Amino acid sequence: MLQSALIIDDEEDICILLSTFLRKKNIDTHYSFTLKEGMDKLRQLIPTILFLDNNLPDGSGIDSVPMIRNLYPDLKIIIISAMTTLKERAFENSADGFIDKPISFDSIQQLI
């Protein structure tokens, strides 16, 4: 099965960088800059992997994980944040992975 990813991050550079890396790994990739727009795309695309920034202009990514997990139990959810202190909370909320900003391609490779 072809993997697909959705990136929800308000930093365009992160979206483009991560998207380019994933496409080189043959992962179909889309991105959104807000939580609302991202949730709409999530419903439309139903990707296999979600890269979710925590600090979005319209909400908290980590706080959205339980709801997303309930709707899409098989979705791999990876939180992206510059605040490494949130790592434990991300896993408590059922995230599958956590990537520190600035992002590392080695970290991404291990999680996909």
C-alpha atoms as a PDB file:
ATOM      1  CA  MET A   1       0.000   0.000   0.000  1.00  0.00           C
ATOM      2  CA  LEU A   2       1.258   3.458  -0.892  1.00  0.00           C
ATOM      3  CA  GLN A   3       1.912   5.567   2.178  1.00  0.00           C
ATOM      4  CA  SER A   4       0.530   9.063   2.376  1.00  0.00           C
ATOM      5  CA  ALA A   5       1.245  11.855   4.810  1.00  0.00           C
ATOM      6  CA  LEU A   6      -0.430  15.030   5.943  1.00  0.00           C
ATOM      7  CA  ILE A   7       1.665  17.750   7.551  1.00  0.00           C
ATOM      8  CA  ILE A   8      -0.120  20.332   9.686  1.00  0.00           C
ATOM      9  CA  ASP A   9       2.333  23.091  10.558  1.00  0.00           C
ATOM     10  CA  ASP A  10       2.054  26.875  10.358  1.00  0.00           C
ATOM     11  CA  GLU A  11       5.676  27.199   9.219  1.00  0.00           C
ATOM     12  CA  GLU A  12       5.687  26.951   5.427  1.00  0.00           C
ATOM     13  CA  ASP A  13       9.420  26.130   5.351  1.00  0.00           C
ATOM     14  CA  ILE A  14       8.878  23.080   7.588  1.00  0.00           C
ATOM     15  CA  CYS A  15       6.006  21.891   5.379  1.00  0.00           C
ATOM     16  CA  ILE A  16       8.033  22.231   2.187  1.00  0.00           C
ATOM     17  CA  LEU A  17      11.177  20.673   3.668  1.00  0.00           C
ATOM     18  CA  LEU A  18       9.353  17.716   5.209  1.00  0.00           C
ATOM     19  CA  SER A  19       7.162  17.261   2.132  1.00  0.00           C
ATOM     20  CA  THR A  20      10.187  17.168  -0.177  1.00  0.00           C
ATOM     21  CA  PHE A  21      11.921  14.597   2.027  1.00  0.00           C
ATOM     22  CA  LEU A  22       8.821  12.366   2.212  1.00  0.00           C
ATOM     23  CA  ARG A  23       8.163  12.536  -1.528  1.00  0.00           C
ATOM     24  CA  LYS A  24      11.712  11.293  -2.147  1.00  0.00           C
ATOM     25  CA  LYS A  25      10.670   8.291  -0.023  1.00  0.00           C
ATOM     26  CA  ASN A  26       7.650   7.744  -2.344  1.00  0.00           C
ATOM     27  CA  ILE A  27       5.176   9.015   0.242  1.00  0.00           C
ATOM     28  CA  ASP A  28       2.298  11.036  -1.194  1.00  0.00           C
ATOM     29  CA  THR A  29       2.330  14.267   0.802  1.00  0.00           C
ATOM     30  CA  HIS A  30      -0.026  17.166   1.507  1.00  0.00           C
ATOM     31  CA  TYR A  31       0.133  19.998   4.015  1.00  0.00           C
ATOM     32  CA  SER A  32      -1.976  22.594   5.798  1.00  0.00           C
ATOM     33  CA  PHE A  33      -1.077  25.643   7.858  1.00  0.00           C
ATOM     34  CA  THR A  34      -3.941  25.592  10.392  1.00  0.00           C
ATOM     35  CA  LEU A  35      -5.584  22.932  12.541  1.00  0.00           C
ATOM     36  CA  LYS A  36      -9.007  23.540  10.972  1.00  0.00           C
ATOM     37  CA  GLU A  37      -7.716  23.301   7.419  1.00  0.00           C
ATOM     38  CA  GLY A  38      -5.658  20.257   8.416  1.00  0.00           C
ATOM     39  CA  MET A  39      -8.667  18.475   9.954  1.00  0.00           C
ATOM     40  CA  ASP A  40     -10.624  19.096   6.749  1.00  0.00           C
ATOM     41  CA  LYS A  41      -7.789  17.577   4.684  1.00  0.00           C
ATOM     42  CA  LEU A  42      -7.467  14.701   7.150  1.00  0.00           C
ATOM     43  CA  ARG A  43     -11.124  13.789   6.566  1.00  0.00           C
ATOM     44  CA  GLN A  44     -10.712  14.038   2.783  1.00  0.00           C
ATOM     45  CA  LEU A  45      -7.377  12.245   2.395  1.00  0.00           C
ATOM     46  CA  ILE A  46      -7.252   9.802   5.340  1.00  0.00           C
ATOM     47  CA  PRO A  47      -3.444   9.537   5.173  1.00  0.00           C
ATOM     48  CA  THR A  48      -1.347   6.843   6.825  1.00  0.00           C
ATOM     49  CA  ILE A  49       0.884   9.344   8.673  1.00  0.00           C
ATOM     50  CA  LEU A  50       0.087  12.688  10.282  1.00  0.00           C
ATOM     51  CA  PHE A  51       2.866  15.129  11.181  1.00  0.00           C
ATOM     52  CA  LEU A  52       1.225  17.563  13.592  1.00  0.00           C
ATOM     53  CA  ASP A  53       2.795  20.739  14.944  1.00  0.00           C
ATOM     54  CA  ASN A  54       1.801  21.560  18.494  1.00  0.00           C
ATOM     55  CA  ASN A  55       1.651  25.342  18.352  1.00  0.00           C
ATOM     56  CA  LEU A  56      -0.816  26.212  15.609  1.00  0.00           C
ATOM     57  CA  PRO A  57      -2.589  29.568  15.139  1.00  0.00           C
ATOM     58  CA  ASP A  58      -5.993  28.015  15.871  1.00  0.00           C
ATOM     59  CA  GLY A  59      -5.224  25.333  18.436  1.00  0.00           C
ATOM     60  CA  SER A  60      -2.895  22.876  20.096  1.00  0.00           C
ATOM     61  CA  GLY A  61      -1.777  19.835  18.153  1.00  0.00           C
ATOM     62  CA  ILE A  62      -1.091  17.766  21.265  1.00  0.00           C
ATOM     63  CA  ASP A  63      -4.529  18.525  22.691  1.00  0.00           C
ATOM     64  CA  SER A  64      -6.090  17.348  19.402  1.00  0.00           C
ATOM     65  CA  VAL A  65      -4.366  13.955  19.386  1.00  0.00           C
ATOM     66  CA  PRO A  66      -6.963  12.055  21.508  1.00  0.00           C
ATOM     67  CA  MET A  67      -9.812  13.216  19.247  1.00  0.00           C
ATOM     68  CA  ILE A  68      -7.846  12.392  16.093  1.00  0.00           C
ATOM     69  CA  ARG A  69      -6.849   8.993  17.521  1.00  0.00           C
ATOM     70  CA  ASN A  70     -10.514   8.256  18.276  1.00  0.00           C
ATOM     71  CA  LEU A  71     -11.554   9.093  14.692  1.00  0.00           C
ATOM     72  CA  TYR A  72      -8.563   7.432  12.984  1.00  0.00           C
ATOM     73  CA  PRO A  73      -7.214   4.656  15.252  1.00  0.00           C
ATOM     74  CA  ASP A  74      -4.759   3.316  12.642  1.00  0.00           C
ATOM     75  CA  LEU A  75      -3.252   6.712  11.785  1.00  0.00           C
ATOM     76  CA  LYS A  76       0.390   7.172  12.786  1.00  0.00           C
ATOM     77  CA  ILE A  77       0.500  10.537  14.589  1.00  0.00           C
ATOM     78  CA  ILE A  78       3.840  12.280  14.980  1.00  0.00           C
ATOM     79  CA  ILE A  79       4.029  15.536  16.937  1.00  0.00           C
ATOM     80  CA  ILE A  80       6.494  18.211  15.795  1.00  0.00           C
ATOM     81  CA  SER A  81       7.531  20.812  18.360  1.00  0.00           C
ATOM     82  CA  ALA A  82      10.417  23.003  19.399  1.00  0.00           C
ATOM     83  CA  MET A  83       9.296  22.491  23.005  1.00  0.00           C
ATOM     84  CA  THR A  84      10.948  19.196  23.943  1.00  0.00           C
ATOM     85  CA  THR A  85       9.269  19.386  27.365  1.00  0.00           C
ATOM     86  CA  LEU A  86       6.031  18.361  25.624  1.00  0.00           C
ATOM     87  CA  LYS A  87       7.378  14.976  24.521  1.00  0.00           C
ATOM     88  CA  GLU A  88       5.970  13.040  27.488  1.00  0.00           C
ATOM     89  CA  ARG A  89       2.596  14.750  27.162  1.00  0.00           C
ATOM     90  CA  ALA A  90       2.475  13.890  23.457  1.00  0.00           C
ATOM     91  CA  PHE A  91       2.909  10.198  24.243  1.00  0.00           C
ATOM     92  CA  GLU A  92       0.384  10.388  27.089  1.00  0.00           C
ATOM     93  CA  ASN A  93      -2.119  11.711  24.533  1.00  0.00           C
ATOM     94  CA  SER A  94      -1.462   8.679  22.263  1.00  0.00           C
ATOM     95  CA  ALA A  95       0.992  10.176  19.773  1.00  0.00           C
ATOM     96  CA  ASP A  96       3.169   7.587  18.037  1.00  0.00           C
ATOM     97  CA  GLY A  97       6.233   9.777  17.758  1.00  0.00           C
ATOM     98  CA  PHE A  98       7.773  13.138  18.564  1.00  0.00           C
ATOM     99  CA  ILE A  99      10.192  15.167  16.443  1.00  0.00           C
ATOM    100  CA  ASP A 100      12.115  18.118  17.840  1.00  0.00           C
ATOM    101  CA  LYS A 101      12.473  21.323  15.870  1.00  0.00           C
ATOM    102  CA  PRO A 102      14.670  21.970  14.084  1.00  0.00           C
ATOM    103  CA  ILE A 103      13.704  18.715  12.421  1.00  0.00           C
ATOM    104  CA  SER A 104      16.207  15.978  11.738  1.00  0.00           C
ATOM    105  CA  PHE A 105      15.837  13.735   8.710  1.00  0.00           C
ATOM    106  CA  ASP A 106      17.285  10.846  10.743  1.00  0.00           C
ATOM    107  CA  SER A 107      14.446  11.230  13.262  1.00  0.00           C
ATOM    108  CA  ILE A 108      11.859  11.292  10.491  1.00  0.00           C
ATOM    109  CA  GLN A 109      13.354   8.239   8.790  1.00  0.00           C
ATOM    110  CA  GLN A 110      13.156   6.255  12.042  1.00  0.00           C
ATOM    111  CA  LEU A 111       9.500   7.151  12.560  1.00  0.00           C
ATOM    112  CA  ILE A 112       8.200   6.451   9.076  1.00  0.00           C
END
